[in-house]
N, C-alpha and C. Protein backbone atom coordinates (compact mmCIF):
# COMPACT_ATOMS: atom_id res chain seq x y z
N MET A 1 -41.93 -67.83 242.64
CA MET A 1 -40.56 -67.74 242.13
C MET A 1 -40.33 -68.77 241.04
N LEU A 2 -40.89 -70.01 241.25
CA LEU A 2 -40.74 -71.05 240.23
C LEU A 2 -41.41 -70.63 238.94
N GLN A 3 -42.62 -70.02 239.03
CA GLN A 3 -43.31 -69.57 237.82
C GLN A 3 -42.50 -68.49 237.11
N GLN A 4 -41.85 -67.60 237.87
CA GLN A 4 -41.02 -66.56 237.25
C GLN A 4 -39.84 -67.17 236.53
N SER A 5 -39.23 -68.20 237.15
CA SER A 5 -38.08 -68.85 236.52
C SER A 5 -38.49 -69.54 235.23
N ILE A 6 -39.66 -70.24 235.26
CA ILE A 6 -40.14 -70.91 234.05
C ILE A 6 -40.43 -69.89 232.97
N GLY A 7 -41.03 -68.75 233.36
CA GLY A 7 -41.32 -67.70 232.38
C GLY A 7 -40.05 -67.13 231.78
N ALA A 8 -39.02 -66.95 232.62
CA ALA A 8 -37.75 -66.42 232.12
C ALA A 8 -37.11 -67.38 231.14
N VAL A 9 -37.14 -68.68 231.46
CA VAL A 9 -36.56 -69.67 230.57
C VAL A 9 -37.31 -69.71 229.25
N SER A 10 -38.64 -69.59 229.30
CA SER A 10 -39.45 -69.59 228.07
C SER A 10 -39.10 -68.41 227.19
N ARG A 11 -38.92 -67.24 227.79
CA ARG A 11 -38.56 -66.07 227.00
C ARG A 11 -37.18 -66.22 226.39
N VAL A 12 -36.26 -66.80 227.16
CA VAL A 12 -34.92 -67.03 226.62
C VAL A 12 -34.97 -67.99 225.45
N GLY A 13 -35.79 -69.04 225.57
CA GLY A 13 -35.92 -69.99 224.48
C GLY A 13 -36.46 -69.34 223.22
N ALA A 14 -37.44 -68.46 223.37
CA ALA A 14 -37.99 -67.75 222.22
C ALA A 14 -36.93 -66.85 221.57
N CYS A 15 -36.12 -66.19 222.41
CA CYS A 15 -35.06 -65.34 221.87
C CYS A 15 -34.02 -66.17 221.14
N PHE A 16 -33.71 -67.34 221.68
CA PHE A 16 -32.72 -68.21 221.05
C PHE A 16 -33.17 -68.62 219.66
N ILE A 17 -34.45 -68.99 219.51
CA ILE A 17 -34.99 -69.37 218.21
C ILE A 17 -34.96 -68.20 217.24
N LEU A 18 -35.29 -67.00 217.74
CA LEU A 18 -35.27 -65.81 216.90
C LEU A 18 -33.86 -65.52 216.39
N PHE A 19 -32.89 -65.58 217.30
CA PHE A 19 -31.52 -65.32 216.89
C PHE A 19 -31.00 -66.38 215.93
N LEU A 20 -31.45 -67.62 216.10
CA LEU A 20 -31.03 -68.67 215.19
C LEU A 20 -31.52 -68.38 213.78
N GLY A 21 -32.76 -67.89 213.67
CA GLY A 21 -33.29 -67.53 212.36
C GLY A 21 -32.54 -66.39 211.73
N LEU A 22 -32.16 -65.41 212.57
CA LEU A 22 -31.40 -64.27 212.05
C LEU A 22 -30.01 -64.71 211.60
N ALA A 23 -29.42 -65.63 212.35
CA ALA A 23 -28.07 -66.07 212.01
C ALA A 23 -28.03 -66.75 210.66
N CYS A 24 -29.06 -67.47 210.32
CA CYS A 24 -29.09 -68.17 209.04
C CYS A 24 -29.11 -67.19 207.87
N MET A 25 -29.55 -65.96 208.12
CA MET A 25 -29.61 -64.96 207.06
C MET A 25 -28.38 -64.07 207.02
N CYS A 26 -27.49 -64.22 208.02
CA CYS A 26 -26.31 -63.35 208.08
C CYS A 26 -25.21 -63.87 207.17
N VAL A 27 -24.42 -62.95 206.64
CA VAL A 27 -23.24 -63.31 205.85
C VAL A 27 -22.03 -62.84 206.63
N ALA A 28 -21.13 -63.74 206.94
CA ALA A 28 -19.97 -63.39 207.76
C ALA A 28 -19.03 -62.49 206.98
N GLN A 29 -18.56 -61.44 207.64
CA GLN A 29 -17.62 -60.52 207.01
C GLN A 29 -16.17 -60.89 207.35
N ASP A 30 -16.00 -61.64 208.45
CA ASP A 30 -14.65 -62.00 208.89
C ASP A 30 -14.72 -63.34 209.57
N GLU A 31 -13.99 -64.32 209.08
CA GLU A 31 -14.04 -65.66 209.64
C GLU A 31 -13.53 -65.65 211.08
N GLU A 32 -14.30 -66.20 212.01
CA GLU A 32 -13.91 -66.24 213.39
C GLU A 32 -13.23 -67.57 213.70
N ARG A 33 -12.40 -67.58 214.72
CA ARG A 33 -11.68 -68.79 215.09
C ARG A 33 -12.65 -69.83 215.65
N PRO A 34 -12.43 -71.13 215.35
CA PRO A 34 -13.31 -72.17 215.90
C PRO A 34 -13.07 -72.41 217.39
N ILE A 35 -11.83 -72.16 217.87
CA ILE A 35 -11.52 -72.33 219.29
C ILE A 35 -11.17 -70.96 219.87
N THR A 36 -11.81 -70.61 220.96
CA THR A 36 -11.62 -69.29 221.56
C THR A 36 -11.27 -69.42 223.04
N PHE A 37 -10.57 -68.39 223.54
CA PHE A 37 -10.27 -68.26 224.97
C PHE A 37 -10.59 -66.82 225.36
N GLN A 38 -11.12 -66.64 226.55
CA GLN A 38 -11.45 -65.28 226.98
C GLN A 38 -11.11 -65.07 228.45
N VAL A 39 -10.81 -63.83 228.79
CA VAL A 39 -10.57 -63.44 230.17
C VAL A 39 -11.06 -62.01 230.33
N GLY A 40 -11.70 -61.71 231.46
CA GLY A 40 -12.24 -60.37 231.64
C GLY A 40 -12.68 -60.14 233.08
N GLY A 41 -13.20 -58.98 233.31
CA GLY A 41 -13.70 -58.61 234.64
C GLY A 41 -14.64 -57.42 234.53
N GLY A 42 -15.32 -57.12 235.62
CA GLY A 42 -16.25 -56.00 235.58
C GLY A 42 -17.07 -55.86 236.83
N LEU A 43 -18.25 -55.32 236.67
CA LEU A 43 -19.17 -54.99 237.75
C LEU A 43 -20.23 -56.09 237.90
N THR A 44 -20.55 -56.44 239.14
CA THR A 44 -21.62 -57.39 239.41
C THR A 44 -22.73 -56.71 240.21
N LEU A 45 -23.94 -56.78 239.68
CA LEU A 45 -25.12 -56.24 240.35
C LEU A 45 -25.94 -57.38 240.92
N THR A 46 -26.77 -57.08 241.91
CA THR A 46 -27.68 -58.08 242.48
C THR A 46 -29.11 -57.70 242.14
N THR A 47 -29.98 -58.70 242.11
CA THR A 47 -31.37 -58.45 241.79
C THR A 47 -32.25 -59.44 242.54
N GLY A 48 -33.55 -59.24 242.48
CA GLY A 48 -34.47 -60.15 243.14
C GLY A 48 -34.32 -60.12 244.65
N PHE A 49 -34.38 -61.31 245.28
CA PHE A 49 -34.32 -61.44 246.72
C PHE A 49 -33.00 -60.91 247.28
N ASP A 50 -31.93 -61.01 246.51
CA ASP A 50 -30.61 -60.62 246.99
C ASP A 50 -30.38 -59.12 247.01
N SER A 51 -31.18 -58.36 246.28
CA SER A 51 -30.87 -56.95 246.07
C SER A 51 -30.83 -56.14 247.36
N GLY A 52 -31.58 -56.53 248.40
CA GLY A 52 -31.55 -55.81 249.66
C GLY A 52 -30.58 -56.38 250.65
N ARG A 53 -29.89 -57.46 250.28
CA ARG A 53 -28.99 -58.14 251.20
C ARG A 53 -27.54 -58.13 250.72
N LEU A 54 -27.34 -58.63 249.51
CA LEU A 54 -26.00 -58.57 248.92
C LEU A 54 -25.83 -57.25 248.20
N ASP A 55 -24.67 -56.62 248.40
CA ASP A 55 -24.38 -55.36 247.74
C ASP A 55 -23.61 -55.63 246.45
N LYS A 56 -23.57 -54.63 245.57
CA LYS A 56 -22.85 -54.79 244.30
C LYS A 56 -21.36 -55.01 244.56
N GLY A 57 -20.68 -55.57 243.55
CA GLY A 57 -19.26 -55.85 243.70
C GLY A 57 -18.60 -56.00 242.35
N GLY A 58 -17.58 -56.83 242.29
CA GLY A 58 -16.83 -57.03 241.05
C GLY A 58 -16.77 -58.48 240.67
N ASN A 59 -16.34 -58.75 239.42
CA ASN A 59 -16.25 -60.12 238.96
C ASN A 59 -14.99 -60.32 238.12
N PHE A 60 -14.56 -61.58 238.08
CA PHE A 60 -13.48 -62.03 237.20
C PHE A 60 -13.99 -63.25 236.44
N GLN A 61 -13.71 -63.30 235.13
CA GLN A 61 -14.23 -64.37 234.28
C GLN A 61 -13.12 -64.92 233.40
N ALA A 62 -13.12 -66.24 233.20
CA ALA A 62 -12.19 -66.88 232.28
C ALA A 62 -12.89 -68.09 231.67
N GLY A 63 -12.60 -68.37 230.40
CA GLY A 63 -13.26 -69.50 229.77
C GLY A 63 -12.68 -69.83 228.42
N ALA A 64 -13.25 -70.86 227.81
CA ALA A 64 -12.83 -71.30 226.48
C ALA A 64 -14.04 -71.85 225.76
N GLY A 65 -14.00 -71.80 224.43
CA GLY A 65 -15.13 -72.28 223.65
C GLY A 65 -14.69 -72.98 222.38
N HIS A 66 -15.58 -73.82 221.87
CA HIS A 66 -15.36 -74.48 220.58
C HIS A 66 -16.60 -74.26 219.72
N PHE A 67 -16.38 -73.72 218.51
CA PHE A 67 -17.49 -73.46 217.60
C PHE A 67 -17.45 -74.48 216.46
N PHE A 68 -18.62 -75.11 216.25
CA PHE A 68 -18.73 -76.15 215.22
C PHE A 68 -18.81 -75.54 213.82
N ASN A 69 -19.31 -74.31 213.73
CA ASN A 69 -19.35 -73.57 212.48
C ASN A 69 -19.34 -72.09 212.84
N ARG A 70 -19.67 -71.21 211.89
CA ARG A 70 -19.62 -69.77 212.17
C ARG A 70 -20.64 -69.34 213.22
N PHE A 71 -21.67 -70.17 213.44
CA PHE A 71 -22.78 -69.71 214.26
C PHE A 71 -22.91 -70.42 215.61
N LEU A 72 -22.74 -71.72 215.64
CA LEU A 72 -23.07 -72.49 216.84
C LEU A 72 -21.82 -73.06 217.49
N GLY A 73 -21.80 -72.98 218.82
CA GLY A 73 -20.68 -73.52 219.58
C GLY A 73 -21.06 -73.75 221.02
N ILE A 74 -20.08 -74.11 221.82
CA ILE A 74 -20.31 -74.31 223.25
C ILE A 74 -19.11 -73.75 224.01
N GLU A 75 -19.38 -73.11 225.15
CA GLU A 75 -18.31 -72.48 225.92
C GLU A 75 -18.34 -72.99 227.35
N ALA A 76 -17.16 -73.19 227.93
CA ALA A 76 -17.01 -73.48 229.35
C ALA A 76 -16.55 -72.20 230.03
N ASN A 77 -17.19 -71.83 231.13
CA ASN A 77 -16.92 -70.54 231.75
C ASN A 77 -16.77 -70.66 233.26
N PHE A 78 -15.74 -70.00 233.79
CA PHE A 78 -15.55 -69.87 235.24
C PHE A 78 -15.71 -68.40 235.60
N MET A 79 -16.44 -68.15 236.69
CA MET A 79 -16.62 -66.76 237.13
C MET A 79 -16.52 -66.69 238.65
N PHE A 80 -15.82 -65.65 239.12
CA PHE A 80 -15.72 -65.35 240.54
C PHE A 80 -16.31 -63.96 240.77
N ASN A 81 -17.22 -63.86 241.74
CA ASN A 81 -17.84 -62.58 242.09
C ASN A 81 -17.56 -62.28 243.56
N HIS A 82 -17.09 -61.08 243.84
CA HIS A 82 -16.87 -60.63 245.22
C HIS A 82 -17.87 -59.51 245.51
N LEU A 83 -18.70 -59.71 246.53
CA LEU A 83 -19.81 -58.80 246.82
C LEU A 83 -19.76 -58.34 248.27
N GLY A 84 -20.34 -57.19 248.51
CA GLY A 84 -20.50 -56.71 249.87
C GLY A 84 -21.84 -57.13 250.45
N LEU A 85 -22.06 -56.82 251.70
CA LEU A 85 -23.35 -56.98 252.35
C LEU A 85 -23.89 -55.60 252.68
N THR A 86 -25.17 -55.38 252.43
CA THR A 86 -25.74 -54.06 252.68
C THR A 86 -25.74 -53.74 254.16
N ARG A 87 -25.63 -52.47 254.49
CA ARG A 87 -25.63 -52.05 255.88
C ARG A 87 -26.93 -52.43 256.57
N ASN A 88 -28.04 -52.36 255.85
CA ASN A 88 -29.33 -52.72 256.43
C ASN A 88 -29.35 -54.19 256.84
N GLU A 89 -28.79 -55.06 256.00
CA GLU A 89 -28.76 -56.48 256.32
C GLU A 89 -27.82 -56.75 257.50
N LEU A 90 -26.67 -56.07 257.53
CA LEU A 90 -25.75 -56.25 258.66
C LEU A 90 -26.40 -55.80 259.96
N ASN A 91 -27.14 -54.69 259.92
CA ASN A 91 -27.83 -54.22 261.13
C ASN A 91 -28.90 -55.21 261.57
N ASN A 92 -29.62 -55.77 260.60
CA ASN A 92 -30.67 -56.75 260.95
C ASN A 92 -30.08 -57.98 261.62
N LEU A 93 -28.88 -58.38 261.19
CA LEU A 93 -28.23 -59.58 261.73
C LEU A 93 -27.35 -59.26 262.93
N GLY A 94 -27.17 -57.98 263.23
CA GLY A 94 -26.32 -57.60 264.36
C GLY A 94 -24.85 -57.88 264.12
N GLN A 95 -24.39 -57.70 262.88
CA GLN A 95 -23.00 -57.97 262.54
C GLN A 95 -22.29 -56.68 262.15
N PRO A 96 -21.01 -56.52 262.52
CA PRO A 96 -20.31 -55.27 262.21
C PRO A 96 -19.96 -55.10 260.73
N ASP A 97 -19.60 -56.20 260.06
CA ASP A 97 -19.20 -56.09 258.65
C ASP A 97 -19.25 -57.48 258.03
N GLY A 98 -19.08 -57.54 256.70
CA GLY A 98 -19.10 -58.83 256.03
C GLY A 98 -19.03 -58.69 254.53
N HIS A 99 -18.92 -59.83 253.86
CA HIS A 99 -18.88 -59.86 252.40
C HIS A 99 -19.31 -61.24 251.94
N ALA A 100 -19.46 -61.37 250.64
CA ALA A 100 -19.87 -62.64 250.04
C ALA A 100 -19.01 -62.95 248.84
N ARG A 101 -18.80 -64.24 248.57
CA ARG A 101 -18.10 -64.70 247.39
C ARG A 101 -18.99 -65.70 246.66
N VAL A 102 -19.06 -65.56 245.35
CA VAL A 102 -19.87 -66.48 244.54
C VAL A 102 -19.00 -67.00 243.39
N PHE A 103 -18.84 -68.31 243.34
CA PHE A 103 -18.12 -68.97 242.25
C PHE A 103 -19.14 -69.69 241.36
N THR A 104 -18.94 -69.63 240.05
CA THR A 104 -19.78 -70.40 239.14
C THR A 104 -18.90 -71.09 238.09
N VAL A 105 -19.30 -72.29 237.71
CA VAL A 105 -18.71 -73.01 236.59
C VAL A 105 -19.87 -73.48 235.73
N THR A 106 -19.94 -73.02 234.49
CA THR A 106 -21.07 -73.34 233.63
C THR A 106 -20.61 -73.81 232.26
N LEU A 107 -21.48 -74.55 231.61
CA LEU A 107 -21.29 -74.98 230.23
C LEU A 107 -22.42 -74.35 229.43
N ASP A 108 -22.06 -73.53 228.42
CA ASP A 108 -23.03 -72.65 227.78
C ASP A 108 -23.09 -72.84 226.27
N PRO A 109 -24.12 -73.51 225.73
CA PRO A 109 -24.34 -73.48 224.28
C PRO A 109 -24.47 -72.02 223.82
N THR A 110 -23.80 -71.68 222.74
CA THR A 110 -23.69 -70.28 222.32
C THR A 110 -24.02 -70.12 220.84
N LEU A 111 -24.82 -69.11 220.56
CA LEU A 111 -25.14 -68.74 219.17
C LEU A 111 -24.38 -67.46 218.84
N ARG A 112 -23.56 -67.50 217.79
CA ARG A 112 -22.78 -66.34 217.37
C ARG A 112 -23.35 -65.79 216.07
N ILE A 113 -23.51 -64.48 216.00
CA ILE A 113 -24.11 -63.83 214.84
C ILE A 113 -23.10 -62.88 214.21
N PRO A 114 -22.52 -63.23 213.06
CA PRO A 114 -21.58 -62.31 212.40
C PRO A 114 -22.26 -61.01 211.99
N LEU A 115 -21.55 -59.91 212.16
CA LEU A 115 -22.04 -58.58 211.81
C LEU A 115 -21.03 -57.92 210.87
N PRO A 116 -21.40 -56.82 210.23
CA PRO A 116 -20.45 -56.13 209.34
C PRO A 116 -19.20 -55.65 210.06
N ARG A 117 -18.12 -55.47 209.29
CA ARG A 117 -16.85 -54.91 209.76
C ARG A 117 -16.17 -55.77 210.83
N GLY A 118 -16.44 -57.07 210.82
CA GLY A 118 -15.77 -57.96 211.74
C GLY A 118 -16.37 -58.05 213.13
N PHE A 119 -17.43 -57.30 213.40
CA PHE A 119 -18.12 -57.40 214.67
C PHE A 119 -18.95 -58.68 214.70
N SER A 120 -19.29 -59.14 215.89
CA SER A 120 -20.24 -60.24 216.02
C SER A 120 -20.95 -60.13 217.36
N ALA A 121 -22.20 -60.55 217.38
CA ALA A 121 -22.97 -60.62 218.60
C ALA A 121 -23.16 -62.08 218.99
N TYR A 122 -23.49 -62.34 220.23
CA TYR A 122 -23.72 -63.73 220.64
C TYR A 122 -24.74 -63.80 221.78
N LEU A 123 -25.39 -64.96 221.85
CA LEU A 123 -26.37 -65.25 222.89
C LEU A 123 -26.02 -66.61 223.47
N LEU A 124 -26.07 -66.73 224.79
CA LEU A 124 -25.74 -67.99 225.44
C LEU A 124 -26.82 -68.37 226.45
N VAL A 125 -27.00 -69.67 226.61
CA VAL A 125 -27.93 -70.23 227.59
C VAL A 125 -27.26 -71.49 228.14
N GLY A 126 -27.09 -71.59 229.45
CA GLY A 126 -26.43 -72.77 229.98
C GLY A 126 -26.64 -72.93 231.47
N GLY A 127 -25.88 -73.83 232.05
CA GLY A 127 -26.02 -74.10 233.47
C GLY A 127 -24.81 -74.83 234.01
N GLY A 128 -24.81 -75.05 235.33
CA GLY A 128 -23.70 -75.73 235.96
C GLY A 128 -23.79 -75.66 237.47
N TRP A 129 -22.65 -75.31 238.09
CA TRP A 129 -22.50 -75.34 239.54
C TRP A 129 -22.22 -73.94 240.07
N LEU A 130 -22.77 -73.65 241.28
CA LEU A 130 -22.57 -72.35 241.93
C LEU A 130 -22.26 -72.59 243.40
N ARG A 131 -21.31 -71.85 243.93
CA ARG A 131 -21.01 -71.85 245.37
C ARG A 131 -21.09 -70.44 245.91
N ARG A 132 -21.88 -70.26 246.96
CA ARG A 132 -22.00 -68.95 247.62
C ARG A 132 -21.47 -69.07 249.05
N THR A 133 -20.55 -68.18 249.41
CA THR A 133 -20.03 -68.11 250.78
C THR A 133 -20.25 -66.72 251.32
N VAL A 134 -20.88 -66.63 252.47
CA VAL A 134 -21.10 -65.35 253.16
C VAL A 134 -20.29 -65.36 254.44
N GLU A 135 -19.45 -64.35 254.62
CA GLU A 135 -18.61 -64.23 255.81
C GLU A 135 -18.95 -62.96 256.57
N PHE A 136 -19.01 -63.08 257.89
CA PHE A 136 -19.20 -61.93 258.76
C PHE A 136 -17.87 -61.64 259.45
N THR A 137 -17.47 -60.38 259.40
CA THR A 137 -16.15 -60.01 259.89
C THR A 137 -16.22 -58.82 260.84
N GLN A 138 -15.10 -58.62 261.55
CA GLN A 138 -14.98 -57.49 262.46
C GLN A 138 -13.59 -56.89 262.30
N PRO A 139 -13.51 -55.57 262.11
CA PRO A 139 -12.18 -54.94 261.98
C PRO A 139 -11.35 -55.14 263.24
N THR A 140 -10.07 -55.42 263.06
CA THR A 140 -9.17 -55.63 264.19
C THR A 140 -7.76 -55.26 263.75
N LEU A 141 -6.80 -55.45 264.64
CA LEU A 141 -5.39 -55.24 264.34
C LEU A 141 -4.66 -56.57 264.46
N ALA A 142 -3.77 -56.83 263.51
CA ALA A 142 -3.01 -58.07 263.52
C ALA A 142 -1.53 -57.77 263.57
N GLY A 143 -0.79 -58.58 264.31
CA GLY A 143 0.64 -58.41 264.40
C GLY A 143 1.36 -58.98 263.19
N THR A 144 2.38 -58.30 262.74
CA THR A 144 3.18 -58.78 261.62
C THR A 144 4.62 -58.29 261.79
N PHE A 145 5.50 -58.73 260.92
CA PHE A 145 6.90 -58.32 260.94
C PHE A 145 7.20 -57.60 259.63
N ILE A 146 7.73 -56.39 259.69
CA ILE A 146 7.94 -55.60 258.48
C ILE A 146 9.40 -55.15 258.37
N PHE A 147 9.78 -54.90 257.12
CA PHE A 147 11.09 -54.32 256.82
C PHE A 147 10.85 -53.12 255.93
N ASP A 148 11.17 -51.92 256.42
CA ASP A 148 10.94 -50.68 255.69
C ASP A 148 12.28 -49.97 255.48
N PRO A 149 12.89 -50.15 254.28
CA PRO A 149 14.20 -49.52 254.05
C PRO A 149 14.13 -48.00 254.01
N TRP A 150 12.96 -47.45 253.68
CA TRP A 150 12.84 -45.98 253.60
C TRP A 150 13.04 -45.35 254.97
N TRP A 151 12.33 -45.92 255.99
CA TRP A 151 12.45 -45.38 257.34
C TRP A 151 13.53 -46.10 258.14
N GLY A 152 14.08 -47.17 257.58
CA GLY A 152 15.13 -47.90 258.29
C GLY A 152 14.61 -48.68 259.47
N TYR A 153 13.35 -49.18 259.36
CA TYR A 153 12.76 -49.90 260.49
C TYR A 153 12.62 -51.38 260.14
N ILE A 154 13.06 -52.24 261.06
CA ILE A 154 12.87 -53.69 260.96
C ILE A 154 12.32 -54.16 262.31
N GLY A 155 11.14 -54.78 262.27
CA GLY A 155 10.59 -55.25 263.53
C GLY A 155 9.10 -55.48 263.47
N PRO A 156 8.46 -55.74 264.61
CA PRO A 156 7.03 -56.04 264.65
C PRO A 156 6.19 -54.78 264.45
N ALA A 157 4.98 -54.97 263.97
CA ALA A 157 4.05 -53.86 263.76
C ALA A 157 2.63 -54.40 263.77
N LEU A 158 1.69 -53.50 264.00
CA LEU A 158 0.27 -53.83 263.94
C LEU A 158 -0.32 -53.26 262.66
N VAL A 159 -1.09 -54.07 261.93
CA VAL A 159 -1.72 -53.63 260.69
C VAL A 159 -3.21 -53.92 260.75
N PRO A 160 -4.03 -53.12 260.03
CA PRO A 160 -5.48 -53.40 260.01
C PRO A 160 -5.77 -54.76 259.38
N ALA A 161 -6.75 -55.47 259.93
CA ALA A 161 -7.15 -56.78 259.42
C ALA A 161 -8.61 -57.01 259.76
N ASN A 162 -9.15 -58.09 259.20
CA ASN A 162 -10.53 -58.47 259.48
C ASN A 162 -10.57 -59.80 260.20
N LEU A 163 -11.23 -59.85 261.34
CA LEU A 163 -11.43 -61.08 262.08
C LEU A 163 -12.73 -61.74 261.60
N VAL A 164 -12.64 -62.99 261.13
CA VAL A 164 -13.82 -63.70 260.64
C VAL A 164 -14.62 -64.23 261.83
N LEU A 165 -15.85 -63.75 261.98
CA LEU A 165 -16.71 -64.17 263.07
C LEU A 165 -17.49 -65.44 262.73
N GLY A 166 -17.74 -65.66 261.45
CA GLY A 166 -18.48 -66.84 261.02
C GLY A 166 -18.73 -66.79 259.53
N SER A 167 -19.00 -67.95 258.94
CA SER A 167 -19.27 -68.02 257.51
C SER A 167 -20.27 -69.12 257.22
N VAL A 168 -20.99 -68.95 256.11
CA VAL A 168 -21.99 -69.93 255.67
C VAL A 168 -21.76 -70.18 254.19
N THR A 169 -21.63 -71.44 253.79
CA THR A 169 -21.39 -71.81 252.40
C THR A 169 -22.50 -72.71 251.89
N SER A 170 -22.93 -72.47 250.67
CA SER A 170 -23.97 -73.29 250.04
C SER A 170 -23.56 -73.61 248.61
N ASP A 171 -23.65 -74.89 248.23
CA ASP A 171 -23.41 -75.34 246.86
C ASP A 171 -24.74 -75.70 246.21
N SER A 172 -24.87 -75.38 244.92
CA SER A 172 -26.14 -75.66 244.25
C SER A 172 -25.95 -75.71 242.75
N GLY A 173 -26.98 -76.18 242.07
CA GLY A 173 -27.04 -76.04 240.63
C GLY A 173 -27.40 -74.62 240.26
N ALA A 174 -27.12 -74.24 239.03
CA ALA A 174 -27.39 -72.86 238.59
C ALA A 174 -27.62 -72.84 237.09
N TYR A 175 -28.32 -71.82 236.64
CA TYR A 175 -28.42 -71.57 235.20
C TYR A 175 -28.08 -70.12 234.93
N ASN A 176 -27.66 -69.84 233.72
CA ASN A 176 -27.40 -68.46 233.33
C ASN A 176 -27.79 -68.24 231.87
N VAL A 177 -28.20 -67.02 231.59
CA VAL A 177 -28.51 -66.60 230.23
C VAL A 177 -27.82 -65.26 230.02
N GLY A 178 -27.42 -64.99 228.80
CA GLY A 178 -26.75 -63.73 228.57
C GLY A 178 -26.41 -63.52 227.11
N GLY A 179 -25.69 -62.47 226.88
CA GLY A 179 -25.29 -62.13 225.53
C GLY A 179 -24.27 -61.02 225.55
N GLY A 180 -23.69 -60.79 224.39
CA GLY A 180 -22.68 -59.75 224.31
C GLY A 180 -22.31 -59.44 222.88
N ILE A 181 -21.24 -58.69 222.74
CA ILE A 181 -20.75 -58.30 221.42
C ILE A 181 -19.24 -58.41 221.40
N ASN A 182 -18.69 -58.94 220.30
CA ASN A 182 -17.25 -58.99 220.08
C ASN A 182 -16.83 -57.83 219.18
N ILE A 183 -15.82 -57.09 219.61
CA ILE A 183 -15.36 -55.91 218.88
C ILE A 183 -13.95 -56.19 218.36
N PRO A 184 -13.72 -56.16 217.05
CA PRO A 184 -12.40 -56.46 216.51
C PRO A 184 -11.38 -55.38 216.85
N THR A 185 -10.13 -55.80 217.02
CA THR A 185 -9.03 -54.86 217.25
C THR A 185 -8.16 -54.77 216.00
N VAL A 186 -7.55 -55.88 215.60
CA VAL A 186 -6.79 -55.96 214.36
C VAL A 186 -7.27 -57.18 213.59
N SER A 187 -6.96 -57.26 212.32
CA SER A 187 -7.44 -58.35 211.49
C SER A 187 -6.99 -59.70 212.05
N ARG A 188 -7.97 -60.57 212.30
CA ARG A 188 -7.75 -61.91 212.81
C ARG A 188 -6.99 -61.92 214.13
N GLY A 189 -7.06 -60.82 214.86
CA GLY A 189 -6.38 -60.73 216.15
C GLY A 189 -7.37 -60.84 217.31
N PRO A 190 -6.92 -60.55 218.53
CA PRO A 190 -7.80 -60.58 219.70
C PRO A 190 -8.97 -59.62 219.54
N ARG A 191 -10.07 -59.94 220.21
CA ARG A 191 -11.25 -59.08 220.17
C ARG A 191 -11.62 -58.66 221.59
N ILE A 192 -12.12 -57.47 221.71
CA ILE A 192 -12.68 -57.01 222.97
C ILE A 192 -14.13 -57.47 223.02
N TYR A 193 -14.55 -58.01 224.16
CA TYR A 193 -15.96 -58.38 224.28
C TYR A 193 -16.60 -57.67 225.47
N ILE A 194 -17.85 -57.34 225.29
CA ILE A 194 -18.67 -56.74 226.35
C ILE A 194 -19.87 -57.65 226.53
N GLU A 195 -20.11 -58.10 227.75
CA GLU A 195 -21.10 -59.15 227.98
C GLU A 195 -21.88 -58.90 229.27
N SER A 196 -23.12 -59.33 229.27
CA SER A 196 -23.95 -59.29 230.47
C SER A 196 -24.65 -60.64 230.62
N ARG A 197 -24.75 -61.10 231.86
CA ARG A 197 -25.42 -62.37 232.15
C ARG A 197 -26.42 -62.20 233.28
N TYR A 198 -27.40 -63.08 233.28
CA TYR A 198 -28.30 -63.25 234.41
C TYR A 198 -28.00 -64.63 234.99
N VAL A 199 -27.52 -64.67 236.24
CA VAL A 199 -27.09 -65.91 236.87
C VAL A 199 -28.02 -66.20 238.04
N HIS A 200 -28.58 -67.43 238.06
CA HIS A 200 -29.51 -67.81 239.13
C HIS A 200 -29.08 -69.14 239.72
N GLY A 201 -28.74 -69.14 241.03
CA GLY A 201 -28.36 -70.35 241.73
C GLY A 201 -29.39 -70.73 242.77
N PHE A 202 -29.64 -72.03 242.92
CA PHE A 202 -30.66 -72.52 243.85
C PHE A 202 -30.03 -72.85 245.20
N THR A 203 -29.43 -71.84 245.82
CA THR A 203 -28.72 -72.03 247.08
C THR A 203 -29.69 -72.19 248.25
N ASP A 204 -29.17 -72.76 249.37
CA ASP A 204 -29.98 -73.01 250.56
C ASP A 204 -30.54 -71.72 251.14
N ASN A 205 -31.70 -71.82 251.73
CA ASN A 205 -32.39 -70.73 252.44
C ASN A 205 -32.86 -69.62 251.49
N SER A 206 -32.03 -69.16 250.60
CA SER A 206 -32.44 -68.16 249.62
C SER A 206 -31.65 -68.37 248.34
N ASN A 207 -32.33 -68.24 247.20
CA ASN A 207 -31.64 -68.35 245.92
C ASN A 207 -30.69 -67.17 245.72
N THR A 208 -29.69 -67.37 244.89
CA THR A 208 -28.71 -66.33 244.58
C THR A 208 -28.90 -65.86 243.15
N THR A 209 -29.12 -64.56 242.97
CA THR A 209 -29.40 -64.00 241.64
C THR A 209 -28.47 -62.82 241.40
N LEU A 210 -27.64 -62.94 240.37
CA LEU A 210 -26.65 -61.91 240.07
C LEU A 210 -26.75 -61.48 238.61
N VAL A 211 -26.27 -60.26 238.33
CA VAL A 211 -26.18 -59.75 236.96
C VAL A 211 -24.76 -59.22 236.77
N PRO A 212 -23.79 -60.09 236.39
CA PRO A 212 -22.44 -59.61 236.10
C PRO A 212 -22.34 -58.96 234.74
N ILE A 213 -21.67 -57.83 234.69
CA ILE A 213 -21.38 -57.11 233.43
C ILE A 213 -19.87 -57.12 233.26
N THR A 214 -19.39 -57.73 232.16
CA THR A 214 -17.97 -58.02 232.02
C THR A 214 -17.41 -57.42 230.73
N VAL A 215 -16.20 -56.90 230.82
CA VAL A 215 -15.44 -56.44 229.66
C VAL A 215 -14.12 -57.20 229.66
N GLY A 216 -13.75 -57.77 228.49
CA GLY A 216 -12.53 -58.55 228.47
C GLY A 216 -11.96 -58.71 227.07
N ILE A 217 -11.03 -59.65 226.94
CA ILE A 217 -10.37 -59.94 225.67
C ILE A 217 -10.64 -61.39 225.30
N ARG A 218 -11.00 -61.60 224.06
CA ARG A 218 -11.24 -62.96 223.54
C ARG A 218 -10.21 -63.25 222.45
N PHE A 219 -9.51 -64.36 222.58
CA PHE A 219 -8.46 -64.75 221.62
C PHE A 219 -8.97 -65.83 220.68
């Protein structure tokens, strides 16, 4: 696994150098803002050791960046991923149900490549902190108090809920690599971005490897 990680980092480094060379030859068609903010969400896939244990889910992302020139900058990024657990893994552990949450905070040097018609592509490589929490749950009923003006009912009721049987949390360092494209909407206005990342955290017992695919707005 360590050799695979070193090989992945080496390939990313080679791609970064290639993109840097291409950026030097690009002519910007539309000046981009030096300070950016972004927010988005999308689909999160699992890969590697996690693919048979953690199920796919969704993600939410928010961040900000500062660009020193048209090409080079650095971004701070927060991401939350909500994932399921595969039925096979739940059966192996003898648990009725469960889910996982993964938080990441990373600092990502970013290369931006201006393209024609105001489009731009970018590549990022960075690292930071990752927290993975796995919870095992059981469906149950919980008492609550409701007010329903439609039916004219005020009083106690039972609603579906999940009883937490146990949870395991692990904090670790992490790295991520990725890239995307910025799509202009109006002149010098917000841009839509489409991005994919490979996120690897060195969590206890088993590493955490995710591939979030995000669509959002960058200001």
